[in-house]
Amino acid sequence: MFGLDISDRTLRAVSLTRKGKMISVNSINEITLPAGLIEGGEILKSDALVPYLKKLLQDAKPHKIKGKDTIACLPEHQSFIKVIQVPKKNGQLQPSLIKSEVANHIPFPIEEMYLDWQIIKEQAGPNAKKLNVLVGAAPKNIVDVYQETLKKANLVPIILEIESIAIARSLVSFDLKNSNVGSLIIDFGLDRTSFIIFDKNLIQFTSGITTISGNRMTDVISKNLSLSQAEGEKAKKLAGLDPRIGKGKVALALQQVVDDLLSKIREIISFYKEHYPGGNQINKIILAGGGSNLKLLDRVLFQSLKITTQRGDSLTNLGKKNITFLTGKNQSSFATAIGLALKAIKNDYP
């Protein structure tokens, strides 16, 4: 079984192997998709996507991926995951109560969604009549097309998992010592950035925004410095937020994007503190996704927020041996695929 990360412009696959407690990468690959096959996480051209899925597995290194069983991700912005409180009825949790409560949190008709949930723990004190429940939801039309497309590629979708769960599994150590550490994972995508509150070894809630993304950074640089898109992308990668490069022009051009990011981070942390009174203080920020490689981004966030900020390590829950092909900038981009593969090889992972 392998992990399969499906996004608008990229496919990534990771197969892991385990010897005792040592988990290592067995096969890995990524390919770029042409525009129009997938948009906003929705597969628009299922038949056209199938050859790319087959090529992804055939060309994996150092070994092609032969297995058909896969754990694939569902797009974050098409899904919902959150810890909610659900009242008990006659001392028991009733599925109908979960559905009615979830309906208060998502802007979609509940009958159009697939739901999954897990009881976290019973409340104590004044909330003793309620249960904490981790709920995941995804639109049926999105899920059905994902399943159909994978089957067309002769694959067997064992699990379709919300992307944020896989990202957290990859980047956060599940050692119990981390149960008192509240973290904010920020996943920078091409067209969207996701914010994941991870606390008490669980995702508490997620949020997303399209006004902060890798493409928006490129657009801002290109516009402010009168560059082409290709030149703006190159300038972003070379200079980032480093004021010493290019007389700081790129860093200055990105200042509004950084300000928007800081504002969003403060908003999310404040929301968590207000609405999750039993939660831990957010004392770590983990950066993920291709945009996390922006030069000095971690330092700028730390200086402004005074919260420890680090680039995510996709190998946190893997052995460091025999993974020289997963180094440098592409490591953070494989966080989702590795998280899915961890679920595939060790099903007791959260």
Protein backbone atom coordinates (compact mmCIF):
# COMPACT_ATOMS: atom_id res chain seq x y z
CA MET A 1 0.00 0.00 0.00
CA PHE A 2 1.27 3.50 -0.80
CA GLY A 3 0.38 7.12 -0.15
CA LEU A 4 -1.00 9.21 -3.02
CA ASP A 5 -1.15 13.00 -2.87
CA ILE A 6 -3.42 14.49 -5.52
CA SER A 7 -3.36 18.26 -6.05
CA ASP A 8 -4.35 20.62 -8.84
CA ARG A 9 -0.97 20.64 -10.59
CA THR A 10 1.02 17.81 -9.01
CA LEU A 11 0.78 14.10 -8.22
CA ARG A 12 3.06 12.60 -5.56
CA ALA A 13 3.41 9.00 -4.46
CA VAL A 14 5.41 7.48 -1.60
CA SER A 15 5.84 3.84 -0.65
CA LEU A 16 7.46 3.02 2.69
CA THR A 17 9.10 -0.08 4.07
CA ARG A 18 9.52 -1.09 7.69
CA LYS A 19 12.17 -3.22 9.36
CA GLY A 20 11.51 -3.42 13.08
CA LYS A 21 11.07 0.15 14.26
CA MET A 22 12.93 1.59 11.28
CA ILE A 23 10.70 3.09 8.56
CA SER A 24 12.32 4.14 5.30
CA VAL A 25 11.27 5.35 1.88
CA ASN A 26 11.02 2.47 -0.60
CA SER A 27 9.78 4.34 -3.68
CA ILE A 28 8.94 7.95 -4.43
CA ASN A 29 7.90 10.11 -7.37
CA GLU A 30 6.17 13.31 -8.38
CA ILE A 31 4.92 14.58 -11.72
CA THR A 32 3.44 17.87 -12.86
CA LEU A 33 -0.07 17.96 -14.28
CA PRO A 34 -1.27 20.24 -17.06
CA ALA A 35 -3.79 22.88 -16.10
CA GLY A 36 -7.45 21.94 -16.30
CA LEU A 37 -7.43 18.31 -15.15
CA ILE A 38 -8.03 19.26 -11.52
CA GLU A 39 -9.22 22.66 -10.34
CA GLY A 40 -9.90 23.66 -6.76
CA GLY A 41 -9.43 20.05 -5.69
CA GLU A 42 -12.18 18.85 -8.05
CA ILE A 43 -11.25 16.32 -10.73
CA LEU A 44 -12.69 17.74 -13.95
CA LYS A 45 -11.17 15.34 -16.50
CA SER A 46 -11.08 11.91 -14.94
CA ASP A 47 -10.11 9.94 -18.05
CA ALA A 48 -7.30 12.35 -18.90
CA LEU A 49 -5.88 12.06 -15.38
CA VAL A 50 -5.58 8.26 -15.48
CA PRO A 51 -2.41 8.08 -17.68
CA TYR A 52 -0.64 10.47 -15.32
CA LEU A 53 -1.50 8.29 -12.34
CA LYS A 54 -0.09 5.24 -14.10
CA LYS A 55 3.07 7.10 -15.13
CA LEU A 56 3.55 8.34 -11.57
CA LEU A 57 3.79 4.78 -10.27
CA GLN A 58 5.67 3.34 -13.25
CA ASP A 59 8.45 5.95 -13.03
CA ALA A 60 8.85 5.92 -9.24
CA LYS A 61 12.45 5.68 -7.98
CA PRO A 62 14.38 3.64 -7.11
CA HIS A 63 11.64 1.05 -7.69
CA LYS A 64 8.36 1.38 -9.54
CA ILE A 65 5.30 1.07 -7.33
CA LYS A 66 3.53 -2.19 -8.18
CA GLY A 67 0.85 -2.35 -5.51
CA LYS A 68 -2.72 -1.35 -6.26
CA ASP A 69 -3.90 -0.55 -2.73
CA THR A 70 -3.58 3.13 -1.90
CA ILE A 71 -4.40 5.72 0.71
CA ALA A 72 -5.13 8.97 -1.12
CA CYS A 73 -5.87 12.45 0.13
CA LEU A 74 -8.96 14.57 -0.26
CA PRO A 75 -8.40 18.28 -0.91
CA GLU A 76 -8.29 20.37 2.24
CA HIS A 77 -10.44 23.19 0.86
CA GLN A 78 -13.16 20.74 -0.16
CA SER A 79 -13.24 19.09 3.27
CA PHE A 80 -14.03 19.85 6.88
CA ILE A 81 -12.36 18.64 10.06
CA LYS A 82 -12.92 19.91 13.56
CA VAL A 83 -13.36 18.84 17.16
CA ILE A 84 -16.94 19.59 18.22
CA GLN A 85 -18.95 19.01 21.37
CA VAL A 86 -21.96 16.75 20.97
CA PRO A 87 -24.57 16.16 23.70
CA LYS A 88 -25.28 12.63 24.89
CA LYS A 89 -28.78 11.20 24.78
CA ASN A 90 -29.67 8.68 27.46
CA GLY A 91 -25.98 8.55 28.29
CA GLN A 92 -25.04 7.52 24.73
CA LEU A 93 -23.76 9.26 21.63
CA GLN A 94 -26.35 9.22 18.84
CA PRO A 95 -25.20 9.54 15.19
CA SER A 96 -28.20 11.76 14.49
CA LEU A 97 -26.93 14.23 17.10
CA ILE A 98 -23.52 14.35 15.42
CA LYS A 99 -25.12 15.10 12.06
CA SER A 100 -27.30 17.85 13.47
CA GLU A 101 -24.31 19.41 15.25
CA VAL A 102 -22.05 19.20 12.20
CA ALA A 103 -24.75 20.97 10.19
CA ASN A 104 -24.14 24.01 12.41
CA HIS A 105 -20.47 24.15 11.39
CA ILE A 106 -20.37 23.59 7.63
CA PRO A 107 -21.92 25.66 4.83
CA PHE A 108 -23.10 22.61 2.87
CA PRO A 109 -26.25 20.47 3.09
CA ILE A 110 -25.39 17.57 5.39
CA GLU A 111 -27.08 15.05 3.08
CA GLU A 112 -24.52 15.94 0.39
CA MET A 113 -21.56 15.08 2.64
CA TYR A 114 -19.83 11.89 3.70
CA LEU A 115 -19.17 11.98 7.45
CA ASP A 116 -16.68 10.20 9.66
CA TRP A 117 -16.10 10.75 13.36
CA GLN A 118 -14.11 9.61 16.34
CA ILE A 119 -14.94 10.13 20.02
CA ILE A 120 -12.04 11.88 21.73
CA LYS A 121 -13.06 11.96 25.37
CA GLU A 122 -15.98 12.69 27.64
CA GLN A 123 -16.27 16.13 29.17
CA ALA A 124 -15.92 16.68 32.90
CA GLY A 125 -17.59 19.17 35.22
CA PRO A 126 -20.35 21.37 33.74
CA ASN A 127 -19.86 19.77 30.30
CA ALA A 128 -20.24 16.18 31.58
CA LYS A 129 -23.29 15.67 29.36
CA LYS A 130 -21.24 16.28 26.22
CA LEU A 131 -18.61 14.40 24.24
CA ASN A 132 -15.65 15.76 22.31
CA VAL A 133 -15.90 14.31 18.81
CA LEU A 134 -13.40 14.71 15.97
CA VAL A 135 -15.51 15.04 12.82
CA GLY A 136 -14.41 14.86 9.20
CA ALA A 137 -16.68 15.64 6.26
CA ALA A 138 -16.27 15.79 2.49
CA PRO A 139 -18.70 16.37 -0.41
CA LYS A 140 -20.05 13.15 -1.88
CA ASN A 141 -19.61 14.35 -5.46
CA ILE A 142 -15.90 15.06 -4.88
CA VAL A 143 -15.25 11.76 -3.08
CA ASP A 144 -17.14 9.68 -5.65
CA VAL A 145 -15.11 11.07 -8.56
CA TYR A 146 -11.84 10.45 -6.71
CA GLN A 147 -12.82 6.83 -6.14
CA GLU A 148 -13.95 6.35 -9.73
CA THR A 149 -10.75 7.87 -11.13
CA LEU A 150 -8.48 5.72 -8.99
CA LYS A 151 -10.38 2.61 -10.03
CA LYS A 152 -9.97 3.58 -13.69
CA ALA A 153 -6.21 3.60 -13.05
CA ASN A 154 -6.51 0.03 -11.69
CA LEU A 155 -5.96 1.24 -8.14
CA VAL A 156 -7.88 0.28 -5.02
CA PRO A 157 -8.63 3.27 -2.77
CA ILE A 158 -8.52 1.72 0.70
CA ILE A 159 -8.83 5.06 2.48
CA LEU A 160 -9.50 8.62 1.31
CA GLU A 161 -8.14 10.91 4.00
CA ILE A 162 -8.46 14.65 4.51
CA GLU A 163 -5.16 16.29 3.60
CA SER A 164 -4.56 18.07 6.92
CA ILE A 165 -4.56 14.76 8.82
CA ALA A 166 -1.80 13.39 6.60
CA ILE A 167 0.23 16.60 6.89
CA ALA A 168 0.07 16.53 10.69
CA ARG A 169 0.99 12.84 10.78
CA SER A 170 4.08 13.58 8.72
CA LEU A 171 5.30 16.72 10.48
CA VAL A 172 4.43 16.19 14.15
CA SER A 173 6.06 13.54 16.30
CA PHE A 174 3.38 11.41 17.92
CA ASP A 175 5.46 10.84 21.02
CA LEU A 176 3.27 11.38 24.07
CA LYS A 177 5.65 14.08 25.26
CA ASN A 178 4.09 16.33 22.63
CA SER A 179 0.59 16.04 24.07
CA ASN A 180 1.05 19.33 25.94
CA VAL A 181 2.47 21.20 22.96
CA GLY A 182 0.08 23.28 20.88
CA SER A 183 1.21 23.78 17.28
CA LEU A 184 0.02 25.75 14.28
CA ILE A 185 0.90 24.08 10.98
CA ILE A 186 0.86 26.42 7.98
CA ASP A 187 0.74 24.64 4.62
CA PHE A 188 1.58 26.97 1.73
CA GLY A 189 0.11 25.81 -1.57
CA LEU A 190 0.22 27.33 -5.04
CA ASP A 191 -3.26 28.85 -4.81
CA ARG A 192 -4.18 28.48 -1.16
CA THR A 193 -2.68 28.33 2.32
CA SER A 194 -4.11 26.08 5.03
CA PHE A 195 -3.82 26.62 8.79
CA ILE A 196 -4.01 23.56 11.04
CA ILE A 197 -4.25 23.76 14.82
CA PHE A 198 -2.70 20.59 16.24
CA ASP A 199 -2.98 20.13 19.99
CA LYS A 200 -3.19 17.18 22.39
CA ASN A 201 -2.11 14.87 19.55
CA LEU A 202 -5.18 15.85 17.51
CA ILE A 203 -6.21 18.28 14.83
CA GLN A 204 -8.55 20.67 16.62
CA PHE A 205 -9.66 22.64 13.57
CA THR A 206 -8.45 23.91 10.20
CA SER A 207 -8.87 27.09 8.20
CA GLY A 208 -7.84 28.17 4.72
CA ILE A 209 -7.28 31.34 2.77
CA THR A 210 -6.69 32.06 -0.93
CA THR A 211 -5.29 35.58 -0.53
CA ILE A 212 -2.02 34.08 0.72
CA SER A 213 -0.36 31.54 -1.57
CA GLY A 214 2.73 30.83 -3.60
CA ASN A 215 1.15 32.17 -6.77
CA ARG A 216 -0.02 35.34 -5.06
CA MET A 217 3.52 36.02 -3.88
CA THR A 218 4.76 35.62 -7.44
CA ASP A 219 1.99 37.89 -8.77
CA VAL A 220 2.80 40.61 -6.23
CA ILE A 221 6.52 40.51 -7.04
CA SER A 222 5.87 40.57 -10.79
CA LYS A 223 3.47 43.50 -10.54
CA ASN A 224 5.48 45.64 -8.12
CA LEU A 225 8.80 45.09 -9.87
CA SER A 226 7.44 45.05 -13.45
CA LEU A 227 8.61 41.50 -14.10
CA SER A 228 7.16 38.63 -16.09
CA GLN A 229 5.61 35.75 -14.16
CA ALA A 230 8.68 33.61 -14.81
CA GLU A 231 10.99 36.38 -13.64
CA GLY A 232 8.82 37.00 -10.57
CA GLU A 233 8.94 33.32 -9.65
CA LYS A 234 12.72 33.29 -10.03
CA ALA A 235 13.08 36.44 -7.91
CA LYS A 236 10.88 34.90 -5.21
CA LYS A 237 13.07 31.82 -5.00
CA LEU A 238 16.36 33.71 -5.10
CA ALA A 239 15.60 36.58 -2.73
CA GLY A 240 12.55 35.74 -0.66
CA LEU A 241 12.40 37.98 2.41
CA ASP A 242 16.16 38.54 2.59
CA PRO A 243 16.76 42.33 2.60
CA ARG A 244 20.40 41.77 1.58
CA ILE A 245 19.49 40.36 -1.82
CA GLY A 246 18.53 42.65 -4.70
CA LYS A 247 18.60 45.68 -2.40
CA GLY A 248 15.64 44.21 -0.54
CA LYS A 249 13.23 45.00 -3.38
CA VAL A 250 11.61 41.56 -3.35
CA ALA A 251 11.27 41.55 0.43
CA LEU A 252 9.65 44.99 0.27
CA ALA A 253 7.28 43.88 -2.48
CA LEU A 254 6.16 40.96 -0.31
CA GLN A 255 5.62 43.04 2.83
CA GLN A 256 1.84 43.26 2.40
CA VAL A 257 1.57 39.50 1.94
CA VAL A 258 3.63 39.00 5.10
CA ASP A 259 1.43 41.46 6.99
CA ASP A 260 -1.67 39.58 5.83
CA LEU A 261 -0.10 36.30 6.95
CA LEU A 262 0.76 37.68 10.39
CA SER A 263 -2.76 39.04 10.78
CA LYS A 264 -4.28 35.66 9.87
CA ILE A 265 -1.99 33.80 12.29
CA ARG A 266 -2.94 36.12 15.16
CA GLU A 267 -6.61 35.73 14.27
CA ILE A 268 -6.44 31.92 14.33
CA ILE A 269 -4.49 31.75 17.58
CA SER A 270 -6.93 34.17 19.20
CA PHE A 271 -9.90 32.14 17.94
CA TYR A 272 -8.43 28.94 19.35
CA LYS A 273 -7.76 30.51 22.72
CA GLU A 274 -11.30 31.89 22.91
CA HIS A 275 -13.28 28.90 21.63
CA TYR A 276 -11.13 26.03 22.96
CA PRO A 277 -10.58 26.98 26.62
CA GLY A 278 -9.07 23.59 27.46
CA GLY A 279 -6.43 23.85 24.76
CA ASN A 280 -2.73 24.42 25.23
CA GLN A 281 -1.00 27.63 24.30
CA ILE A 282 0.23 27.67 20.71
CA ASN A 283 3.98 27.71 21.20
CA LYS A 284 5.20 26.31 17.90
CA ILE A 285 4.60 27.16 14.25
CA ILE A 286 5.49 24.54 11.63
CA LEU A 287 5.83 25.65 8.00
CA ALA A 288 4.97 23.20 5.21
CA GLY A 289 4.37 23.17 1.48
CA GLY A 290 6.48 24.63 -1.29
CA GLY A 291 5.95 28.20 -0.10
CA SER A 292 7.58 27.40 3.23
CA ASN A 293 10.95 27.54 1.45
CA LEU A 294 10.68 31.33 1.10
CA LYS A 295 13.98 32.67 2.41
CA LEU A 296 13.89 33.98 6.00
CA LEU A 297 10.14 33.36 6.34
CA ASP A 298 10.66 31.40 9.55
CA ARG A 299 12.83 34.16 11.02
CA VAL A 300 10.40 36.93 10.08
CA LEU A 301 7.47 35.12 11.69
CA PHE A 302 9.45 34.43 14.87
CA GLN A 303 10.58 38.04 15.17
CA SER A 304 7.03 39.33 14.80
CA LEU A 305 5.13 36.71 16.82
CA LYS A 306 7.76 35.57 19.34
CA ILE A 307 6.63 31.98 18.70
CA THR A 308 9.16 29.29 17.80
CA THR A 309 8.89 28.84 14.03
CA GLN A 310 10.48 26.06 12.01
CA ARG A 311 10.26 24.49 8.60
CA GLY A 312 8.50 21.16 8.81
CA ASP A 313 10.54 17.99 8.63
CA SER A 314 8.68 15.37 6.60
CA LEU A 315 11.01 12.76 8.03
CA THR A 316 10.02 13.34 11.66
CA ASN A 317 8.39 9.93 11.96
CA LEU A 318 10.74 8.14 9.55
CA GLY A 319 14.23 6.77 9.87
CA LYS A 320 16.81 9.15 8.44
CA LYS A 321 18.62 6.35 6.60
CA ASN A 322 18.54 5.75 2.84
CA ILE A 323 16.52 8.86 2.01
CA THR A 324 19.11 10.99 0.26
CA PHE A 325 16.69 11.42 -2.66
CA LEU A 326 14.32 13.31 -0.35
CA THR A 327 16.47 16.27 0.61
CA GLY A 328 16.38 20.01 0.35
CA LYS A 329 13.43 21.96 -0.88
CA ASN A 330 11.28 19.08 -2.11
CA GLN A 331 11.10 17.54 1.36
CA SER A 332 8.33 19.83 2.62
CA SER A 333 6.35 19.28 -0.58
CA PHE A 334 6.13 15.56 0.17
CA ALA A 335 4.62 16.01 3.65
CA THR A 336 1.13 14.91 2.57
CA ALA A 337 2.30 11.88 0.58
CA ILE A 338 4.57 10.74 3.42
CA GLY A 339 1.77 11.18 5.95
CA LEU A 340 -0.51 9.02 3.83
CA ALA A 341 2.21 6.41 3.41
CA LEU A 342 2.74 6.31 7.18
CA LYS A 343 -0.93 5.47 7.57
CA ALA A 344 -0.52 2.76 4.94
CA ILE A 345 2.44 1.05 6.59
CA LYS A 346 1.46 1.48 10.20
CA ASN A 347 -2.28 1.61 10.61
CA ASP A 348 -2.13 2.46 14.31
CA TYR A 349 -0.76 5.90 13.49
CA PRO A 350 -3.33 8.60 14.39
